Amino acid sequence: MTTGAMPPPASGPRRSRARAFLPLGVAAWLVLEIWLLTLVGREAGGLAVVALLLGGALVGGALVKRAGRRAFDRLAETVQRQQAGKPPVENGSGGHGFLMLSGLLLMLPGLISDAVGLLLLLPPVRSLVKRTAERSLERRVRAAAPGLQDVFQQAQQARMRRPDGKVVQGEVIRPDGTPGDASRHSSGPEGPRPPLTP
């Protein structure tokens, strides 16, 4: 029989402050964008506001198209070089993602999003944002799963040792001679195996 008492609510993971205040921040940003557009409309006229919005949308669309085309061309070149057996060319990150983000911000109606989109077009700002995002992601990964830190360090070391990016195809063969999955049989009775080094 039940007593009719409700079980206590399950306490799930706590939401971060950023996730808790995100809806409030988006609402404040939208109100500020509308307020700025009305100020510009009052001072310069409605036609100027429409021209600003259309100009931002056109420039943003062109940026997204250009960055997407460059990223696709780079991907096609990398695939062709790998099929030919040549190492991929290291010419930096290219910043295609930030150019696309800049274009998307310019396409959004509003003056603040346009200003942020224009700032992301500047290479020093892009590199600063990239470094900040990488540090933040690295801190979150370390905090979330300390065991994953070793995996990321090993991946970085492997990239440092093999700058040509070659991938060696292989298959795991179990002691009984049948092919198997490496993840299931990596630690047998003899314990985990050390990583392969060149």
C-alpha atoms as a PDB file:
ATOM      1  CA  MET A   1       0.000   0.000   0.000  1.00  0.00           C
ATOM      2  CA  THR A   2       1.066   3.500  -0.599  1.00  0.00           C
ATOM      3  CA  THR A   3       0.896   6.225   1.970  1.00  0.00           C
ATOM      4  CA  GLY A   4      -0.049   8.890  -0.530  1.00  0.00           C
ATOM      5  CA  ALA A   5       3.076  10.917   0.105  1.00  0.00           C
ATOM      6  CA  MET A   6       4.716  12.373  -2.954  1.00  0.00           C
ATOM      7  CA  PRO A   7       8.346  11.412  -3.437  1.00  0.00           C
ATOM      8  CA  PRO A   8      10.779  14.313  -3.223  1.00  0.00           C
ATOM      9  CA  PRO A   9      11.611  15.809  -6.590  1.00  0.00           C
ATOM     10  CA  ALA A  10      14.746  14.417  -8.129  1.00  0.00           C
ATOM     11  CA  SER A  11      17.513  16.934  -8.036  1.00  0.00           C
ATOM     12  CA  GLY A  12      19.065  16.956 -11.464  1.00  0.00           C
ATOM     13  CA  PRO A  13      22.237  18.703 -12.438  1.00  0.00           C
ATOM     14  CA  ARG A  14      22.294  22.393 -11.588  1.00  0.00           C
ATOM     15  CA  ARG A  15      22.055  24.778 -14.487  1.00  0.00           C
ATOM     16  CA  SER A  16      24.977  27.098 -14.985  1.00  0.00           C
ATOM     17  CA  ARG A  17      24.515  30.814 -14.466  1.00  0.00           C
ATOM     18  CA  ALA A  18      24.943  31.454 -18.171  1.00  0.00           C
ATOM     19  CA  ARG A  19      22.120  29.046 -19.050  1.00  0.00           C
ATOM     20  CA  ALA A  20      19.911  30.472 -16.327  1.00  0.00           C
ATOM     21  CA  PHE A  21      20.305  34.062 -17.516  1.00  0.00           C
ATOM     22  CA  LEU A  22      20.380  33.333 -21.261  1.00  0.00           C
ATOM     23  CA  PRO A  23      16.634  33.928 -21.853  1.00  0.00           C
ATOM     24  CA  LEU A  24      16.839  37.201 -19.927  1.00  0.00           C
ATOM     25  CA  GLY A  25      19.892  38.269 -21.926  1.00  0.00           C
ATOM     26  CA  VAL A  26      18.216  37.473 -25.250  1.00  0.00           C
ATOM     27  CA  ALA A  27      15.115  39.418 -24.238  1.00  0.00           C
ATOM     28  CA  ALA A  28      17.221  42.414 -23.156  1.00  0.00           C
ATOM     29  CA  TRP A  29      19.183  42.272 -26.417  1.00  0.00           C
ATOM     30  CA  LEU A  30      15.964  42.228 -28.478  1.00  0.00           C
ATOM     31  CA  VAL A  31      14.517  45.180 -26.550  1.00  0.00           C
ATOM     32  CA  LEU A  32      17.761  47.128 -27.021  1.00  0.00           C
ATOM     33  CA  GLU A  33      17.840  46.352 -30.759  1.00  0.00           C
ATOM     34  CA  ILE A  34      14.245  47.543 -31.211  1.00  0.00           C
ATOM     35  CA  TRP A  35      14.913  50.671 -29.145  1.00  0.00           C
ATOM     36  CA  LEU A  36      18.017  51.545 -31.226  1.00  0.00           C
ATOM     37  CA  LEU A  37      16.125  50.983 -34.476  1.00  0.00           C
ATOM     38  CA  THR A  38      13.345  53.311 -33.322  1.00  0.00           C
ATOM     39  CA  LEU A  39      15.926  55.957 -32.335  1.00  0.00           C
ATOM     40  CA  VAL A  40      17.602  55.749 -35.746  1.00  0.00           C
ATOM     41  CA  GLY A  41      14.185  55.763 -37.433  1.00  0.00           C
ATOM     42  CA  ARG A  42      13.174  58.879 -35.526  1.00  0.00           C
ATOM     43  CA  GLU A  43      16.404  60.738 -36.360  1.00  0.00           C
ATOM     44  CA  ALA A  44      17.154  59.530 -39.896  1.00  0.00           C
ATOM     45  CA  GLY A  45      13.772  58.335 -41.091  1.00  0.00           C
ATOM     46  CA  GLY A  46      12.176  55.001 -41.744  1.00  0.00           C
ATOM     47  CA  LEU A  47      13.749  54.677 -45.176  1.00  0.00           C
ATOM     48  CA  ALA A  48      17.230  54.852 -43.632  1.00  0.00           C
ATOM     49  CA  VAL A  49      16.367  52.042 -41.215  1.00  0.00           C
ATOM     50  CA  VAL A  50      15.049  49.862 -44.038  1.00  0.00           C
ATOM     51  CA  ALA A  51      18.186  50.620 -46.091  1.00  0.00           C
ATOM     52  CA  LEU A  52      20.420  49.670 -43.121  1.00  0.00           C
ATOM     53  CA  LEU A  53      18.575  46.419 -42.577  1.00  0.00           C
ATOM     54  CA  LEU A  54      18.591  45.458 -46.261  1.00  0.00           C
ATOM     55  CA  GLY A  55      22.259  46.429 -46.650  1.00  0.00           C
ATOM     56  CA  GLY A  56      23.215  44.330 -43.636  1.00  0.00           C
ATOM     57  CA  ALA A  57      21.242  41.370 -44.951  1.00  0.00           C
ATOM     58  CA  LEU A  58      22.867  41.589 -48.395  1.00  0.00           C
ATOM     59  CA  VAL A  59      26.410  41.977 -47.056  1.00  0.00           C
ATOM     60  CA  GLY A  60      25.824  39.177 -44.532  1.00  0.00           C
ATOM     61  CA  GLY A  61      24.477  36.857 -47.215  1.00  0.00           C
ATOM     62  CA  ALA A  62      27.501  37.557 -49.412  1.00  0.00           C
ATOM     63  CA  LEU A  63      29.853  36.846 -46.487  1.00  0.00           C
ATOM     64  CA  VAL A  64      28.164  33.553 -45.656  1.00  0.00           C
ATOM     65  CA  LYS A  65      28.276  32.501 -49.304  1.00  0.00           C
ATOM     66  CA  ARG A  66      31.943  33.461 -49.670  1.00  0.00           C
ATOM     67  CA  ALA A  67      33.025  31.746 -46.445  1.00  0.00           C
ATOM     68  CA  GLY A  68      31.054  28.618 -47.331  1.00  0.00           C
ATOM     69  CA  ARG A  69      32.589  28.471 -50.780  1.00  0.00           C
ATOM     70  CA  ARG A  70      36.102  28.899 -49.354  1.00  0.00           C
ATOM     71  CA  ALA A  71      35.521  26.202 -46.750  1.00  0.00           C
ATOM     72  CA  PHE A  72      34.179  23.806 -49.387  1.00  0.00           C
ATOM     73  CA  ASP A  73      37.125  24.516 -51.711  1.00  0.00           C
ATOM     74  CA  ARG A  74      39.573  23.895 -48.878  1.00  0.00           C
ATOM     75  CA  LEU A  75      37.813  20.639 -47.984  1.00  0.00           C
ATOM     76  CA  ALA A  76      37.903  19.481 -51.621  1.00  0.00           C
ATOM     77  CA  GLU A  77      41.610  20.361 -51.882  1.00  0.00           C
ATOM     78  CA  THR A  78      42.398  18.464 -48.681  1.00  0.00           C
ATOM     79  CA  VAL A  79      40.505  15.376 -49.882  1.00  0.00           C
ATOM     80  CA  GLN A  80      42.295  15.473 -53.247  1.00  0.00           C
ATOM     81  CA  ARG A  81      45.686  15.798 -51.560  1.00  0.00           C
ATOM     82  CA  GLN A  82      44.929  12.872 -49.244  1.00  0.00           C
ATOM     83  CA  GLN A  83      43.784  10.700 -52.155  1.00  0.00           C
ATOM     84  CA  ALA A  84      47.007  11.543 -53.970  1.00  0.00           C
ATOM     85  CA  GLY A  85      49.016  10.543 -50.887  1.00  0.00           C
ATOM     86  CA  LYS A  86      50.290  14.065 -50.235  1.00  0.00           C
ATOM     87  CA  PRO A  87      50.243  15.660 -46.780  1.00  0.00           C
ATOM     88  CA  PRO A  88      47.573  18.327 -46.245  1.00  0.00           C
ATOM     89  CA  VAL A  89      48.687  21.930 -46.504  1.00  0.00           C
ATOM     90  CA  GLU A  90      48.712  23.788 -43.181  1.00  0.00           C
ATOM     91  CA  ASN A  91      47.505  27.296 -43.921  1.00  0.00           C
ATOM     92  CA  GLY A  92      45.942  28.128 -40.567  1.00  0.00           C
ATOM     93  CA  SER A  93      42.324  27.762 -39.568  1.00  0.00           C
ATOM     94  CA  GLY A  94      41.133  30.148 -42.255  1.00  0.00           C
ATOM     95  CA  GLY A  95      38.480  31.529 -39.916  1.00  0.00           C
ATOM     96  CA  HIS A  96      35.620  30.369 -42.134  1.00  0.00           C
ATOM     97  CA  GLY A  97      33.411  29.701 -39.129  1.00  0.00           C
ATOM     98  CA  PHE A  98      33.889  33.214 -37.783  1.00  0.00           C
ATOM     99  CA  LEU A  99      33.252  34.702 -41.213  1.00  0.00           C
ATOM    100  CA  MET A 100      30.003  32.753 -41.396  1.00  0.00           C
ATOM    101  CA  LEU A 101      29.072  33.882 -37.889  1.00  0.00           C
ATOM    102  CA  SER A 102      29.862  37.459 -38.880  1.00  0.00           C
ATOM    103  CA  GLY A 103      27.638  37.139 -41.938  1.00  0.00           C
ATOM    104  CA  LEU A 104      24.808  35.663 -39.888  1.00  0.00           C
ATOM    105  CA  LEU A 105      25.050  38.508 -37.371  1.00  0.00           C
ATOM    106  CA  LEU A 106      24.957  41.034 -40.201  1.00  0.00           C
ATOM    107  CA  MET A 107      21.873  39.330 -41.634  1.00  0.00           C
ATOM    108  CA  LEU A 108      20.004  39.617 -38.322  1.00  0.00           C
ATOM    109  CA  PRO A 109      17.942  42.794 -38.159  1.00  0.00           C
ATOM    110  CA  GLY A 110      19.486  45.149 -35.633  1.00  0.00           C
ATOM    111  CA  LEU A 111      22.347  47.544 -35.094  1.00  0.00           C
ATOM    112  CA  ILE A 112      24.085  45.731 -32.228  1.00  0.00           C
ATOM    113  CA  SER A 113      24.260  42.463 -34.141  1.00  0.00           C
ATOM    114  CA  ASP A 114      25.598  44.401 -37.147  1.00  0.00           C
ATOM    115  CA  ALA A 115      28.302  46.015 -34.997  1.00  0.00           C
ATOM    116  CA  VAL A 116      29.351  42.644 -33.550  1.00  0.00           C
ATOM    117  CA  GLY A 117      29.323  41.126 -37.044  1.00  0.00           C
ATOM    118  CA  LEU A 118      31.540  43.916 -38.354  1.00  0.00           C
ATOM    119  CA  LEU A 119      33.927  43.466 -35.408  1.00  0.00           C
ATOM    120  CA  LEU A 120      34.253  39.761 -36.204  1.00  0.00           C
ATOM    121  CA  LEU A 121      35.504  40.707 -39.658  1.00  0.00           C
ATOM    122  CA  LEU A 122      38.701  42.080 -38.083  1.00  0.00           C
ATOM    123  CA  PRO A 123      41.427  39.390 -37.843  1.00  0.00           C
ATOM    124  CA  PRO A 124      42.710  40.478 -34.382  1.00  0.00           C
ATOM    125  CA  VAL A 125      39.196  40.235 -32.952  1.00  0.00           C
ATOM    126  CA  ARG A 126      38.690  36.811 -34.550  1.00  0.00           C
ATOM    127  CA  SER A 127      41.964  35.495 -33.088  1.00  0.00           C
ATOM    128  CA  LEU A 128      41.086  36.873 -29.641  1.00  0.00           C
ATOM    129  CA  VAL A 129      37.643  35.253 -29.735  1.00  0.00           C
ATOM    130  CA  LYS A 130      39.161  31.989 -30.980  1.00  0.00           C
ATOM    131  CA  ARG A 131      41.765  31.874 -28.179  1.00  0.00           C
ATOM    132  CA  THR A 132      39.136  32.698 -25.564  1.00  0.00           C
ATOM    133  CA  ALA A 133      36.773  29.994 -26.861  1.00  0.00           C
ATOM    134  CA  GLU A 134      39.563  27.395 -26.953  1.00  0.00           C
ATOM    135  CA  ARG A 135      40.602  28.168 -23.357  1.00  0.00           C
ATOM    136  CA  SER A 136      36.996  28.038 -22.176  1.00  0.00           C
ATOM    137  CA  LEU A 137      36.382  24.714 -23.908  1.00  0.00           C
ATOM    138  CA  GLU A 138      39.590  23.267 -22.498  1.00  0.00           C
ATOM    139  CA  ARG A 139      38.623  24.320 -18.938  1.00  0.00           C
ATOM    140  CA  ARG A 140      35.143  22.819 -19.336  1.00  0.00           C
ATOM    141  CA  VAL A 141      36.514  19.530 -20.644  1.00  0.00           C
ATOM    142  CA  ARG A 142      38.967  19.296 -17.756  1.00  0.00           C
ATOM    143  CA  ALA A 143      36.242  20.041 -15.230  1.00  0.00           C
ATOM    144  CA  ALA A 144      33.661  17.707 -16.800  1.00  0.00           C
ATOM    145  CA  ALA A 145      35.761  14.583 -17.189  1.00  0.00           C
ATOM    146  CA  PRO A 146      39.276  14.463 -15.769  1.00  0.00           C
ATOM    147  CA  GLY A 147      39.910  11.139 -17.562  1.00  0.00           C
ATOM    148  CA  LEU A 148      39.371  12.756 -20.951  1.00  0.00           C
ATOM    149  CA  GLN A 149      42.284  15.102 -20.360  1.00  0.00           C
ATOM    150  CA  ASP A 150      44.728  12.249 -21.010  1.00  0.00           C
ATOM    151  CA  VAL A 151      42.973  11.435 -24.275  1.00  0.00           C
ATOM    152  CA  PHE A 152      43.244  15.042 -25.472  1.00  0.00           C
ATOM    153  CA  GLN A 153      46.914  15.211 -24.459  1.00  0.00           C
ATOM    154  CA  GLN A 154      47.647  12.000 -26.341  1.00  0.00           C
ATOM    155  CA  ALA A 155      45.837  13.349 -29.409  1.00  0.00           C
ATOM    156  CA  GLN A 156      47.871  16.559 -29.276  1.00  0.00           C
ATOM    157  CA  GLN A 157      51.103  14.595 -28.896  1.00  0.00           C
ATOM    158  CA  ALA A 158      50.149  12.396 -31.843  1.00  0.00           C
ATOM    159  CA  ARG A 159      49.541  15.505 -33.942  1.00  0.00           C
ATOM    160  CA  MET A 160      52.897  16.907 -32.899  1.00  0.00           C
ATOM    161  CA  ARG A 161      54.718  13.709 -33.774  1.00  0.00           C
ATOM    162  CA  ARG A 162      52.907  13.208 -37.093  1.00  0.00           C
ATOM    163  CA  PRO A 163      52.514  16.634 -38.703  1.00  0.00           C
ATOM    164  CA  ASP A 164      51.800  15.097 -42.095  1.00  0.00           C
ATOM    165  CA  GLY A 165      48.492  13.779 -40.774  1.00  0.00           C
ATOM    166  CA  LYS A 166      48.899  10.297 -42.263  1.00  0.00           C
ATOM    167  CA  VAL A 167      46.432   7.672 -41.150  1.00  0.00           C
ATOM    168  CA  VAL A 168      47.540   4.064 -41.057  1.00  0.00           C
ATOM    169  CA  GLN A 169      44.723   1.670 -41.900  1.00  0.00           C
ATOM    170  CA  GLY A 170      44.622  -1.460 -39.796  1.00  0.00           C
ATOM    171  CA  GLU A 171      42.512  -4.144 -38.224  1.00  0.00           C
ATOM    172  CA  VAL A 172      42.595  -5.573 -34.712  1.00  0.00           C
ATOM    173  CA  ILE A 173      43.196  -9.331 -34.600  1.00  0.00           C
ATOM    174  CA  ARG A 174      42.386 -11.154 -31.378  1.00  0.00           C
ATOM    175  CA  PRO A 175      44.701 -13.886 -30.086  1.00  0.00           C
ATOM    176  CA  ASP A 176      42.317 -16.570 -31.349  1.00  0.00           C
ATOM    177  CA  GLY A 177      42.761 -15.218 -34.900  1.00  0.00           C
ATOM    178  CA  THR A 178      39.343 -13.605 -35.374  1.00  0.00           C
ATOM    179  CA  PRO A 179      38.938  -9.913 -36.087  1.00  0.00           C
ATOM    180  CA  GLY A 180      37.553  -7.918 -33.207  1.00  0.00           C
ATOM    181  CA  ASP A 181      36.767  -4.485 -31.900  1.00  0.00           C
ATOM    182  CA  ALA A 182      39.755  -2.749 -30.323  1.00  0.00           C
ATOM    183  CA  SER A 183      37.663  -0.934 -27.724  1.00  0.00           C
ATOM    184  CA  ARG A 184      36.271  -4.180 -26.272  1.00  0.00           C
ATOM    185  CA  HIS A 185      39.565  -6.062 -26.194  1.00  0.00           C
ATOM    186  CA  SER A 186      42.147  -3.349 -25.529  1.00  0.00           C
ATOM    187  CA  SER A 187      42.706  -4.480 -21.952  1.00  0.00           C
ATOM    188  CA  GLY A 188      42.922  -8.218 -21.638  1.00  0.00           C
ATOM    189  CA  PRO A 189      44.325 -10.420 -18.890  1.00  0.00           C
ATOM    190  CA  GLU A 190      47.729  -8.786 -19.337  1.00  0.00           C
ATOM    191  CA  GLY A 191      46.279  -5.316 -18.649  1.00  0.00           C
ATOM    192  CA  PRO A 192      46.063  -2.246 -20.836  1.00  0.00           C
ATOM    193  CA  ARG A 193      48.547  -1.981 -23.636  1.00  0.00           C
ATOM    194  CA  PRO A 194      50.844   1.030 -23.969  1.00  0.00           C
ATOM    195  CA  PRO A 195      50.244   3.388 -26.904  1.00  0.00           C
ATOM    196  CA  LEU A 196      52.150   2.767 -30.118  1.00  0.00           C
ATOM    197  CA  THR A 197      54.979   5.202 -30.786  1.00  0.00           C
ATOM    198  CA  PRO A 198      56.720   5.801 -34.089  1.00  0.00           C
END
